[in-house]
C-alpha atoms as a PDB file:
ATOM      1  CA  MET A   1      14.338  15.869 -12.500  1.00  0.00           C
ATOM      2  CA  PRO A   2      17.103  13.876 -10.763  1.00  0.00           C
ATOM      3  CA  ALA A   3      16.075  10.736  -8.893  1.00  0.00           C
ATOM      4  CA  THR A   4      17.834  11.866  -5.720  1.00  0.00           C
ATOM      5  CA  LEU A   5      15.764  15.032  -5.637  1.00  0.00           C
ATOM      6  CA  VAL A   6      12.577  13.003  -5.987  1.00  0.00           C
ATOM      7  CA  ALA A   7      13.728  10.771  -3.121  1.00  0.00           C
ATOM      8  CA  ILE A   8      14.484  13.791  -0.927  1.00  0.00           C
ATOM      9  CA  LEU A   9      11.057  15.275  -1.683  1.00  0.00           C
ATOM     10  CA  ASP A  10       9.420  11.946  -0.809  1.00  0.00           C
ATOM     11  CA  ILE A  11      11.284  11.851   2.506  1.00  0.00           C
ATOM     12  CA  PHE A  12      10.202  15.444   3.196  1.00  0.00           C
ATOM     13  CA  VAL A  13       6.559  14.584   2.528  1.00  0.00           C
ATOM     14  CA  MET A  14       6.798  11.497   4.762  1.00  0.00           C
ATOM     15  CA  LEU A  15       8.313  13.536   7.598  1.00  0.00           C
ATOM     16  CA  CYS A  16       5.506  16.077   7.288  1.00  0.00           C
ATOM     17  CA  GLN A  17       2.971  13.255   7.499  1.00  0.00           C
ATOM     18  CA  LEU A  18       4.743  11.846  10.559  1.00  0.00           C
ATOM     19  CA  VAL A  19       4.586  15.229  12.311  1.00  0.00           C
ATOM     20  CA  ILE A  20       0.877  15.494  11.506  1.00  0.00           C
ATOM     21  CA  TRP A  21       0.222  12.046  13.005  1.00  0.00           C
ATOM     22  CA  VAL A  22       2.203  12.927  16.143  1.00  0.00           C
ATOM     23  CA  ILE A  23       0.087  16.072  16.550  1.00  0.00           C
ATOM     24  CA  ILE A  24      -3.128  14.082  16.094  1.00  0.00           C
ATOM     25  CA  ALA A  25      -1.936  11.517  18.658  1.00  0.00           C
ATOM     26  CA  GLN A  26      -1.121  14.303  21.115  1.00  0.00           C
ATOM     27  CA  VAL A  27      -4.574  15.861  20.683  1.00  0.00           C
ATOM     28  CA  ILE A  28      -6.367  12.535  21.153  1.00  0.00           C
ATOM     29  CA  LEU A  29      -4.203  11.718  24.169  1.00  0.00           C
ATOM     30  CA  SER A  30      -4.991  15.095  25.740  1.00  0.00           C
ATOM     31  CA  TRP A  31      -8.726  14.494  25.222  1.00  0.00           C
ATOM     32  CA  LEU A  32      -8.486  11.056  26.811  1.00  0.00           C
ATOM     33  CA  ILE A  33      -6.720  12.562  29.810  1.00  0.00           C
ATOM     34  CA  ALA A  34      -9.186  15.461  30.056  1.00  0.00           C
ATOM     35  CA  PHE A  35     -12.189  13.102  30.074  1.00  0.00           C
ATOM     36  CA  ASN A  36     -10.435  10.820  32.571  1.00  0.00           C
ATOM     37  CA  VAL A  37     -10.398   7.829  30.222  1.00  0.00           C
ATOM     38  CA  ILE A  38      -6.715   7.248  30.872  1.00  0.00           C
ATOM     39  CA  ASN A  39      -4.866   8.160  34.019  1.00  0.00           C
ATOM     40  CA  THR A  40      -1.526   9.940  34.156  1.00  0.00           C
ATOM     41  CA  SER A  41      -0.535   8.104  37.327  1.00  0.00           C
ATOM     42  CA  ASN A  42       0.494   5.222  35.047  1.00  0.00           C
ATOM     43  CA  ASN A  43       4.235   5.527  34.310  1.00  0.00           C
ATOM     44  CA  PHE A  44       3.862   4.567  30.648  1.00  0.00           C
ATOM     45  CA  VAL A  45       1.082   7.090  30.018  1.00  0.00           C
ATOM     46  CA  ARG A  46       2.965   9.815  31.884  1.00  0.00           C
ATOM     47  CA  SER A  47       6.172   9.214  29.912  1.00  0.00           C
ATOM     48  CA  LEU A  48       4.248   9.044  26.625  1.00  0.00           C
ATOM     49  CA  VAL A  49       2.463  12.342  27.331  1.00  0.00           C
ATOM     50  CA  PHE A  50       5.718  13.964  28.449  1.00  0.00           C
ATOM     51  CA  GLY A  51       7.562  12.780  25.337  1.00  0.00           C
ATOM     52  CA  ILE A  52       4.899  13.903  22.889  1.00  0.00           C
ATOM     53  CA  GLU A  53       4.551  17.274  24.610  1.00  0.00           C
ATOM     54  CA  ARG A  54       8.309  17.798  24.416  1.00  0.00           C
ATOM     55  CA  LEU A  55       8.147  17.121  20.684  1.00  0.00           C
ATOM     56  CA  THR A  56       5.172  19.357  19.939  1.00  0.00           C
ATOM     57  CA  ALA A  57       5.647  22.256  22.377  1.00  0.00           C
ATOM     58  CA  PRO A  58       8.327  24.034  20.279  1.00  0.00           C
ATOM     59  CA  LEU A  59       6.018  23.838  17.269  1.00  0.00           C
ATOM     60  CA  TYR A  60       3.018  25.228  19.168  1.00  0.00           C
ATOM     61  CA  ARG A  61       4.870  28.036  20.954  1.00  0.00           C
ATOM     62  CA  PRO A  62       5.024  30.570  18.062  1.00  0.00           C
ATOM     63  CA  ILE A  63       1.377  29.928  17.180  1.00  0.00           C
ATOM     64  CA  ARG A  64       0.184  30.293  20.769  1.00  0.00           C
ATOM     65  CA  ARG A  65       1.963  33.636  21.016  1.00  0.00           C
ATOM     66  CA  PHE A  66      -0.342  35.114  18.369  1.00  0.00           C
ATOM     67  CA  LEU A  67      -3.600  33.347  19.258  1.00  0.00           C
ATOM     68  CA  PRO A  68      -5.924  34.944  21.796  1.00  0.00           C
ATOM     69  CA  ASP A  69      -6.686  33.000  24.962  1.00  0.00           C
ATOM     70  CA  LEU A  70      -9.869  31.037  24.298  1.00  0.00           C
ATOM     71  CA  GLY A  71     -10.083  29.377  27.696  1.00  0.00           C
ATOM     72  CA  GLY A  72      -9.995  25.602  27.399  1.00  0.00           C
ATOM     73  CA  ILE A  73      -9.942  25.548  23.595  1.00  0.00           C
ATOM     74  CA  ASP A  74      -6.538  25.238  21.965  1.00  0.00           C
ATOM     75  CA  LEU A  75      -6.578  25.880  18.232  1.00  0.00           C
ATOM     76  CA  SER A  76      -2.809  25.733  17.777  1.00  0.00           C
ATOM     77  CA  PRO A  77      -2.729  22.023  16.719  1.00  0.00           C
ATOM     78  CA  MET A  78      -5.265  22.682  13.974  1.00  0.00           C
ATOM     79  CA  ILE A  79      -3.387  25.751  12.734  1.00  0.00           C
ATOM     80  CA  LEU A  80      -0.102  23.842  12.818  1.00  0.00           C
ATOM     81  CA  ILE A  81      -1.569  20.937  10.837  1.00  0.00           C
ATOM     82  CA  LEU A  82      -2.921  23.348   8.225  1.00  0.00           C
ATOM     83  CA  ALA A  83       0.479  25.072   7.993  1.00  0.00           C
ATOM     84  CA  ILE A  84       2.275  21.740   7.602  1.00  0.00           C
ATOM     85  CA  ILE A  85      -0.127  20.679   4.844  1.00  0.00           C
ATOM     86  CA  LEU A  86       0.469  23.998   3.090  1.00  0.00           C
ATOM     87  CA  VAL A  87       4.252  23.603   3.290  1.00  0.00           C
ATOM     88  CA  GLN A  88       3.977  19.938   2.308  1.00  0.00           C
ATOM     89  CA  ARG A  89       2.231  20.898  -0.909  1.00  0.00           C
ATOM     90  CA  LEU A  90       4.144  24.078  -1.728  1.00  0.00           C
ATOM     91  CA  VAL A  91       7.728  22.864  -1.319  1.00  0.00           C
ATOM     92  CA  PRO A  92       7.562  19.983  -3.839  1.00  0.00           C
ATOM     93  CA  ALA A  93       5.720  22.202  -6.322  1.00  0.00           C
ATOM     94  CA  LEU A  94       8.371  24.922  -5.992  1.00  0.00           C
ATOM     95  CA  VAL A  95      11.209  22.430  -6.362  1.00  0.00           C
ATOM     96  CA  ILE A  96       9.593  20.890  -9.437  1.00  0.00           C
ATOM     97  CA  ASP A  97       9.157  24.360 -10.955  1.00  0.00           C
ATOM     98  CA  LEU A  98      12.810  25.170 -10.297  1.00  0.00           C
ATOM     99  CA  PHE A  99      14.171  21.999 -11.850  1.00  0.00           C
ATOM    100  CA  THR A 100      11.943  21.718 -14.912  1.00  0.00           C
END
């Protein structure tokens, strides 16, 4: 398998990991806000929450369309993380099968 393809697959896996960590940070940040540990009146916290929500909202939107309303429980981050892990493992395996 060509070295450039291996490098591209490594970058893909790293980007998937980065997206997973951003989702985890957004979930933890939302819990901290919900339990009033951090306050959104702080400009830094408000801009951080706004930025992370702008990054993750397009990823959550298709999942939230199909999930039933469970009140205060949002399962879309967990489903998205599971989907990313699935894609992260399937894509390199498919590419390796194609080029070997």
